[in-house]
């Protein structure tokens, strides 16, 4: 029996634990200092996509992530995968026409819609400036209800050799090259053959317990949940002013990269002003949201490796240690779960994990390349 400990019970860690627990002969322990609330994902839009991803290998990784959820949906039929599609306007995506052509050339479904198409297909919910204004429609995209996904995946993992330990942080990790001694703050101690670091914003601290430096450049984010009866927006809307998606009956989730940037520049920015501005921005895109009531504010830190690209795979200098730290954790979660299970149990590395995404690039001081756009 191979024993594997996964540190971090966000969407990535839970997907990894679920994938490992489904493999015969594997005993999985999932540990987190808090309850598995998906806090990082709540500070994002949980938007399932690859349309905003560059360069090509990062796009391909996220495209595979989208396909993984489609396959998961066909196999399990969970009610937390919403394959609604998304639309983007020219303000959100510079040179939108060329980007549509590029995506189609890469095998991604991207359709040209006009303002008239948007008005007709979205029942007039979206403000359209001109009848022939260009929009992109991405029919294979959607969103994930993380709050529903986590308990469902944990329950499915429990059908295998699985346990979880929540509420106490990992305080010590010792390795002799053949396994890991794991110690929690409450004194709980056990031995694991292999260790997966999926601790999100805390991944650098976990790596540090093993003497490894994992450079992160985390970003702050604010997302609102609005109650807006009567608004009928069935797709993710990617607009110049804000990004908006459904979040259950009569509820919507809204976000703005511009406001996130403002939070990053000045931690003292008045949160009430940010909330009010985000609602105004959302109403520019969907006028019906002007009457919406803010029912939740999610503010958090997104885990981003220093060069903005995923860090997924083994670290050569620490036998048995695997990292799974990434932005776009929702889009990549299900895929990373399967890929990490293949690495841990079979020593198989997917060709999707190009050198740009391998953890040893930090050990060797390799520059991975230009950062991808947010999204």
Protein backbone atom coordinates (compact mmCIF):
# COMPACT_ATOMS: atom_id res chain seq x y z
CA UNK A 1 0.00 0.00 0.00
CA UNK A 2 1.49 3.35 -1.10
CA UNK A 3 0.78 6.10 1.42
CA UNK A 4 0.45 9.63 0.06
CA UNK A 5 -0.15 12.81 2.03
CA UNK A 6 -1.67 15.82 0.26
CA UNK A 7 -1.23 19.18 1.98
CA UNK A 8 -3.96 21.68 1.09
CA UNK A 9 -7.72 21.10 0.79
CA UNK A 10 -8.60 23.71 -1.80
CA UNK A 11 -9.98 22.69 -5.17
CA UNK A 12 -6.57 21.48 -6.43
CA UNK A 13 -5.72 19.47 -3.32
CA UNK A 14 -9.18 17.90 -3.10
CA UNK A 15 -9.07 16.95 -6.80
CA UNK A 16 -5.66 15.33 -6.25
CA UNK A 17 -6.87 13.42 -3.20
CA UNK A 18 -9.96 12.28 -5.14
CA UNK A 19 -7.85 11.06 -8.06
CA UNK A 20 -5.35 9.25 -5.82
CA UNK A 21 -8.02 7.62 -3.66
CA UNK A 22 -9.57 6.14 -6.78
CA UNK A 23 -6.37 4.24 -7.62
CA UNK A 24 -5.97 0.71 -6.18
CA UNK A 25 -3.32 0.19 -3.51
CA UNK A 26 -3.15 3.84 -2.46
CA UNK A 27 -3.82 5.23 1.03
CA UNK A 28 -4.42 8.98 0.99
CA UNK A 29 -4.27 11.50 3.82
CA UNK A 30 -5.51 15.03 3.08
CA UNK A 31 -4.53 17.69 5.59
CA UNK A 32 -5.32 21.40 5.94
CA UNK A 33 -5.08 23.97 8.71
CA UNK A 34 -8.68 25.01 8.01
CA UNK A 35 -11.86 23.40 6.76
CA UNK A 36 -12.02 22.74 2.99
CA UNK A 37 -13.90 25.89 2.02
CA UNK A 38 -12.15 26.65 -1.26
CA UNK A 39 -11.22 30.07 0.12
CA UNK A 40 -8.83 30.90 -2.71
CA UNK A 41 -11.35 29.90 -5.36
CA UNK A 42 -14.01 32.01 -3.64
CA UNK A 43 -11.79 35.04 -4.25
CA UNK A 44 -11.94 34.25 -7.97
CA UNK A 45 -14.67 33.63 -10.48
CA UNK A 46 -14.30 29.83 -10.73
CA UNK A 47 -14.58 30.42 -14.48
CA UNK A 48 -13.82 27.33 -16.55
CA UNK A 49 -11.88 28.51 -19.57
CA UNK A 50 -8.85 28.47 -21.83
CA UNK A 51 -9.82 31.38 -24.09
CA UNK A 52 -7.83 33.91 -22.04
CA UNK A 53 -4.65 31.82 -21.79
CA UNK A 54 -1.31 32.36 -23.50
CA UNK A 55 1.31 31.27 -24.53
CA UNK A 56 0.42 28.16 -26.48
CA UNK A 57 1.53 25.53 -23.96
CA UNK A 58 -0.32 27.32 -21.14
CA UNK A 59 -3.39 27.45 -23.37
CA UNK A 60 -3.07 23.73 -24.12
CA UNK A 61 -2.82 22.92 -20.41
CA UNK A 62 -5.98 24.89 -19.66
CA UNK A 63 -7.77 23.54 -22.75
CA UNK A 64 -7.08 20.05 -21.42
CA UNK A 65 -8.47 21.26 -18.09
CA UNK A 66 -11.73 22.28 -19.79
CA UNK A 67 -11.97 18.92 -21.55
CA UNK A 68 -11.34 17.12 -18.24
CA UNK A 69 -14.44 18.72 -16.71
CA UNK A 70 -16.51 17.79 -19.76
CA UNK A 71 -15.37 14.18 -19.32
CA UNK A 72 -16.05 14.34 -15.58
CA UNK A 73 -19.51 15.72 -16.26
CA UNK A 74 -20.31 12.88 -18.67
CA UNK A 75 -19.03 10.27 -16.20
CA UNK A 76 -20.37 11.51 -12.86
CA UNK A 77 -23.13 13.99 -13.79
CA UNK A 78 -22.40 16.22 -10.77
CA UNK A 79 -24.65 19.23 -10.28
CA UNK A 80 -21.69 21.57 -9.61
CA UNK A 81 -20.27 21.64 -13.15
CA UNK A 82 -22.09 24.29 -15.19
CA UNK A 83 -21.17 24.13 -18.89
CA UNK A 84 -23.11 27.26 -19.80
CA UNK A 85 -20.64 28.84 -22.22
CA UNK A 86 -19.21 32.35 -21.99
CA UNK A 87 -19.13 35.50 -24.08
CA UNK A 88 -16.47 38.22 -24.27
CA UNK A 89 -16.64 41.74 -25.65
CA UNK A 90 -13.91 43.73 -27.37
CA UNK A 91 -13.17 45.71 -24.23
CA UNK A 92 -12.30 42.55 -22.35
CA UNK A 93 -10.19 40.96 -25.09
CA UNK A 94 -7.97 43.29 -27.14
CA UNK A 95 -7.92 42.46 -30.86
CA UNK A 96 -10.84 40.11 -30.32
CA UNK A 97 -11.30 39.24 -33.98
CA UNK A 98 -7.72 38.01 -34.28
CA UNK A 99 -7.98 36.12 -30.99
CA UNK A 100 -11.07 34.27 -32.24
CA UNK A 101 -9.19 33.24 -35.38
CA UNK A 102 -6.20 32.13 -33.30
CA UNK A 103 -8.31 30.04 -30.95
CA UNK A 104 -10.15 28.36 -33.82
CA UNK A 105 -6.77 27.57 -35.38
CA UNK A 106 -5.77 25.94 -32.09
CA UNK A 107 -8.86 23.71 -32.15
CA UNK A 108 -10.89 25.70 -29.61
CA UNK A 109 -14.55 26.40 -30.23
CA UNK A 110 -14.96 30.16 -30.61
CA UNK A 111 -17.87 31.75 -32.44
CA UNK A 112 -18.40 35.29 -33.70
CA UNK A 113 -21.51 36.91 -32.26
CA UNK A 114 -22.85 40.37 -32.96
CA UNK A 115 -24.58 42.64 -30.50
CA UNK A 116 -27.84 41.49 -32.03
CA UNK A 117 -26.91 37.85 -31.32
CA UNK A 118 -26.12 38.70 -27.70
CA UNK A 119 -29.38 40.60 -27.23
CA UNK A 120 -31.37 37.73 -28.74
CA UNK A 121 -29.62 34.84 -26.97
CA UNK A 122 -29.38 36.49 -23.57
CA UNK A 123 -32.91 37.95 -23.52
CA UNK A 124 -31.67 41.53 -23.52
CA UNK A 125 -29.88 41.15 -20.16
CA UNK A 126 -26.56 42.50 -21.48
CA UNK A 127 -26.00 46.12 -22.49
CA UNK A 128 -25.03 46.23 -26.17
CA UNK A 129 -23.56 49.42 -27.60
CA UNK A 130 -24.04 48.64 -31.29
CA UNK A 131 -26.08 46.01 -33.17
CA UNK A 132 -22.98 44.86 -35.05
CA UNK A 133 -20.55 45.06 -32.14
CA UNK A 134 -18.28 42.00 -32.07
CA UNK A 135 -18.50 39.44 -29.27
CA UNK A 136 -16.87 36.04 -28.91
CA UNK A 137 -18.94 33.08 -27.79
CA UNK A 138 -17.08 30.15 -26.21
CA UNK A 139 -19.70 27.37 -25.97
CA UNK A 140 -17.52 24.87 -24.08
CA UNK A 141 -16.70 27.14 -21.15
CA UNK A 142 -18.67 27.66 -17.95
CA UNK A 143 -18.21 27.78 -14.19
CA UNK A 144 -17.72 25.52 -11.21
CA UNK A 145 -19.65 25.72 -7.95
CA UNK A 146 -16.65 25.14 -5.68
CA UNK A 147 -18.70 25.13 -2.47
CA UNK A 148 -20.67 22.15 -3.80
CA UNK A 149 -17.72 20.47 -5.54
CA UNK A 150 -15.50 20.06 -2.47
CA UNK A 151 -17.86 17.99 -0.26
CA UNK A 152 -18.93 15.89 -3.23
CA UNK A 153 -15.33 15.06 -4.19
CA UNK A 154 -14.43 14.34 -0.57
CA UNK A 155 -17.37 11.95 -0.25
CA UNK A 156 -16.33 10.17 -3.44
CA UNK A 157 -12.71 9.95 -2.23
CA UNK A 158 -13.93 8.36 1.01
CA UNK A 159 -15.07 5.34 -1.03
CA UNK A 160 -11.36 4.47 -1.25
CA UNK A 161 -8.55 4.27 1.33
CA UNK A 162 -8.85 7.89 2.41
CA UNK A 163 -8.81 10.07 5.52
CA UNK A 164 -8.71 13.82 6.08
CA UNK A 165 -7.29 15.83 8.97
CA UNK A 166 -8.58 19.40 9.09
CA UNK A 167 -8.06 22.19 11.60
CA UNK A 168 -4.36 21.85 12.38
CA UNK A 169 -1.43 23.10 10.31
CA UNK A 170 1.59 21.10 9.23
CA UNK A 171 4.45 22.31 11.44
CA UNK A 172 7.23 19.88 10.55
CA UNK A 173 8.24 17.78 7.58
CA UNK A 174 11.27 15.52 7.83
CA UNK A 175 12.56 13.24 5.10
CA UNK A 176 15.24 10.57 4.97
CA UNK A 177 14.97 10.17 1.19
CA UNK A 178 12.63 7.19 1.56
CA UNK A 179 9.56 8.92 2.96
CA UNK A 180 8.26 11.78 5.10
CA UNK A 181 7.52 12.24 8.78
CA UNK A 182 4.58 14.66 8.98
CA UNK A 183 3.76 16.55 12.19
CA UNK A 184 0.79 18.81 12.85
CA UNK A 185 0.46 21.68 15.31
CA UNK A 186 -1.71 19.52 17.59
CA UNK A 187 1.02 16.87 17.82
CA UNK A 188 -0.52 14.39 15.37
CA UNK A 189 2.27 12.51 13.59
CA UNK A 190 2.47 9.95 10.79
CA UNK A 191 4.71 8.58 8.07
CA UNK A 192 4.03 8.99 4.33
CA UNK A 193 5.78 7.45 1.36
CA UNK A 194 5.14 10.53 -0.80
CA UNK A 195 4.04 14.11 -0.18
CA UNK A 196 2.07 16.46 -2.46
CA UNK A 197 2.22 20.21 -1.78
CA UNK A 198 -1.09 21.71 -2.94
CA UNK A 199 -1.23 24.33 -0.20
CA UNK A 200 -2.06 27.28 -2.47
CA UNK A 201 -0.99 30.61 -0.92
CA UNK A 202 0.78 28.64 1.85
CA UNK A 203 2.72 26.41 -0.53
CA UNK A 204 5.95 28.36 -0.05
CA UNK A 205 5.78 27.76 3.72
CA UNK A 206 5.21 24.02 3.22
CA UNK A 207 8.11 23.86 0.76
CA UNK A 208 10.26 25.75 3.27
CA UNK A 209 9.72 23.00 5.85
CA UNK A 210 11.67 20.77 3.46
CA UNK A 211 14.39 23.37 2.87
CA UNK A 212 13.04 24.29 -0.56
CA UNK A 213 12.50 27.84 -1.76
CA UNK A 214 9.31 28.16 -3.80
CA UNK A 215 8.94 31.78 -4.93
CA UNK A 216 5.35 32.99 -5.04
CA UNK A 217 3.89 36.29 -6.22
CA UNK A 218 0.34 36.06 -4.83
CA UNK A 219 -2.34 38.53 -5.92
CA UNK A 220 -5.26 39.90 -3.93
CA UNK A 221 -8.80 39.68 -5.28
CA UNK A 222 -12.33 40.80 -4.48
CA UNK A 223 -15.47 39.02 -5.70
CA UNK A 224 -19.06 39.92 -4.83
CA UNK A 225 -22.15 37.73 -4.76
CA UNK A 226 -25.28 39.63 -5.74
CA UNK A 227 -28.95 38.76 -5.28
CA UNK A 228 -30.79 39.99 -8.38
CA UNK A 229 -34.25 38.48 -8.94
CA UNK A 230 -35.49 39.07 -12.44
CA UNK A 231 -32.06 39.19 -14.11
CA UNK A 232 -31.65 36.43 -16.69
CA UNK A 233 -28.00 35.94 -17.55
CA UNK A 234 -27.28 32.30 -18.29
CA UNK A 235 -23.66 32.59 -19.42
CA UNK A 236 -20.38 33.92 -18.08
CA UNK A 237 -20.00 37.50 -19.33
CA UNK A 238 -16.47 38.85 -19.85
CA UNK A 239 -16.77 42.59 -20.20
CA UNK A 240 -14.54 45.63 -20.16
CA UNK A 241 -16.08 46.89 -16.92
CA UNK A 242 -16.52 43.60 -15.07
CA UNK A 243 -16.78 39.84 -15.32
CA UNK A 244 -20.16 38.40 -14.30
CA UNK A 245 -21.45 34.86 -14.02
CA UNK A 246 -24.48 33.04 -12.62
CA UNK A 247 -24.08 31.78 -9.06
CA UNK A 248 -27.27 29.84 -8.41
CA UNK A 249 -30.91 30.92 -8.85
CA UNK A 250 -31.27 34.73 -8.82
CA UNK A 251 -27.62 35.19 -7.79
CA UNK A 252 -24.57 36.44 -9.67
CA UNK A 253 -20.86 36.67 -8.98
CA UNK A 254 -18.91 39.74 -10.17
CA UNK A 255 -15.25 40.68 -10.39
CA UNK A 256 -12.95 43.28 -11.95
CA UNK A 257 -9.24 42.88 -12.69
CA UNK A 258 -8.91 46.67 -12.63
CA UNK A 259 -10.12 46.81 -9.03
CA UNK A 260 -7.85 43.91 -8.06
CA UNK A 261 -4.92 45.92 -9.42
CA UNK A 262 -6.00 48.87 -7.30
CA UNK A 263 -6.07 46.65 -4.19
CA UNK A 264 -2.57 45.47 -5.02
CA UNK A 265 -1.20 48.99 -5.30
CA UNK A 266 -2.75 50.30 -2.10
CA UNK A 267 -3.72 47.95 0.75
CA UNK A 268 -5.39 50.90 2.47
CA UNK A 269 -8.07 51.32 -0.23
CA UNK A 270 -11.52 51.64 1.37
CA UNK A 271 -13.24 48.30 0.83
CA UNK A 272 -16.69 49.89 0.89
CA UNK A 273 -15.69 52.07 -2.06
CA UNK A 274 -14.39 49.04 -3.95
CA UNK A 275 -17.64 47.16 -3.35
CA UNK A 276 -19.74 50.11 -4.52
CA UNK A 277 -17.58 50.60 -7.61
CA UNK A 278 -17.77 46.90 -8.50
CA UNK A 279 -21.57 46.99 -8.38
CA UNK A 280 -21.56 50.08 -10.64
CA UNK A 281 -19.23 48.31 -13.08
CA UNK A 282 -21.43 45.22 -13.12
CA UNK A 283 -24.52 47.33 -13.84
CA UNK A 284 -22.79 48.86 -16.87
CA UNK A 285 -22.63 45.37 -18.35
CA UNK A 286 -25.95 44.06 -17.05
CA UNK A 287 -28.28 46.99 -16.24
CA UNK A 288 -30.59 44.82 -14.14
CA UNK A 289 -27.81 44.45 -11.56
CA UNK A 290 -28.19 48.12 -10.60
CA UNK A 291 -30.98 46.96 -8.27
CA UNK A 292 -29.00 44.00 -6.91
CA UNK A 293 -28.25 43.47 -3.24
CA UNK A 294 -24.73 42.48 -2.15
CA UNK A 295 -25.07 39.31 -0.10
CA UNK A 296 -21.42 38.25 0.14
CA UNK A 297 -17.96 39.74 -0.26
CA UNK A 298 -15.09 37.35 -0.92
CA UNK A 299 -11.59 38.77 -0.54
CA UNK A 300 -8.56 36.53 -0.68
CA UNK A 301 -5.11 35.77 -2.02
CA UNK A 302 -4.55 33.75 -5.18
CA UNK A 303 -1.49 31.46 -5.29
CA UNK A 304 0.70 32.43 -8.22
CA UNK A 305 4.28 31.17 -8.70
CA UNK A 306 6.73 34.02 -9.21
CA UNK A 307 6.78 33.72 -13.01
CA UNK A 308 2.95 33.36 -13.13
CA UNK A 309 3.01 29.79 -14.45
CA UNK A 310 1.97 26.54 -12.77
CA UNK A 311 4.46 24.51 -10.75
CA UNK A 312 3.44 20.88 -11.19
CA UNK A 313 5.65 17.85 -10.77
CA UNK A 314 8.52 16.31 -8.79
CA UNK A 315 11.46 18.21 -7.33
CA UNK A 316 14.59 16.23 -8.14
CA UNK A 317 16.42 17.19 -4.94
CA UNK A 318 13.61 15.93 -2.66
CA UNK A 319 12.67 12.31 -3.48
CA UNK A 320 8.95 11.64 -3.16
CA UNK A 321 7.96 15.32 -3.06
CA UNK A 322 5.52 16.69 -5.67
CA UNK A 323 4.29 20.27 -6.13
CA UNK A 324 0.90 21.28 -7.48
CA UNK A 325 0.71 25.07 -7.20
CA UNK A 326 -1.08 27.12 -9.82
CA UNK A 327 -3.21 30.06 -10.79
CA UNK A 328 -6.49 29.05 -12.53
CA UNK A 329 -6.84 26.29 -9.97
CA UNK A 330 -10.51 25.77 -10.79
CA UNK A 331 -9.96 25.28 -14.52
CA UNK A 332 -6.97 23.04 -13.88
CA UNK A 333 -8.14 21.23 -10.74
CA UNK A 334 -9.63 18.06 -12.20
CA UNK A 335 -6.83 17.70 -14.76
CA UNK A 336 -4.07 18.32 -12.22
CA UNK A 337 -5.65 15.70 -9.99
CA UNK A 338 -5.24 13.06 -12.68
CA UNK A 339 -1.79 14.23 -13.82
CA UNK A 340 -0.42 14.30 -10.27
CA UNK A 341 -1.83 10.83 -9.57
CA UNK A 342 0.05 9.59 -12.65
CA UNK A 343 3.26 11.24 -11.43
CA UNK A 344 2.96 9.93 -7.86
CA UNK A 345 1.93 6.36 -8.64
CA UNK A 346 3.30 5.68 -12.12
CA UNK A 347 6.15 8.19 -12.51
CA UNK A 348 4.45 9.27 -15.74
CA UNK A 349 4.70 12.93 -16.72
CA UNK A 350 2.18 14.22 -19.25
CA UNK A 351 3.57 16.05 -22.30
CA UNK A 352 1.21 18.86 -21.26
CA UNK A 353 3.66 19.59 -18.44
CA UNK A 354 6.32 21.28 -20.53
CA UNK A 355 9.52 22.57 -18.89
CA UNK A 356 7.72 25.89 -18.33
CA UNK A 357 5.58 24.24 -15.64
CA UNK A 358 8.10 21.98 -13.91
CA UNK A 359 9.10 22.88 -10.35
CA UNK A 360 12.82 22.37 -10.93
CA UNK A 361 12.92 25.54 -13.04
CA UNK A 362 13.08 27.48 -9.76
CA UNK A 363 15.85 25.27 -8.38
CA UNK A 364 17.90 25.87 -11.51
CA UNK A 365 17.05 29.53 -11.85
CA UNK A 366 15.45 29.00 -15.27
CA UNK A 367 13.32 31.86 -16.59
CA UNK A 368 10.05 30.38 -17.75
CA UNK A 369 9.04 33.17 -20.12
CA UNK A 370 6.48 35.97 -20.27
CA UNK A 371 3.62 35.89 -17.81
CA UNK A 372 0.15 34.91 -19.05
CA UNK A 373 -2.68 37.43 -18.93
CA UNK A 374 -4.98 37.22 -15.91
CA UNK A 375 -8.02 34.99 -16.14
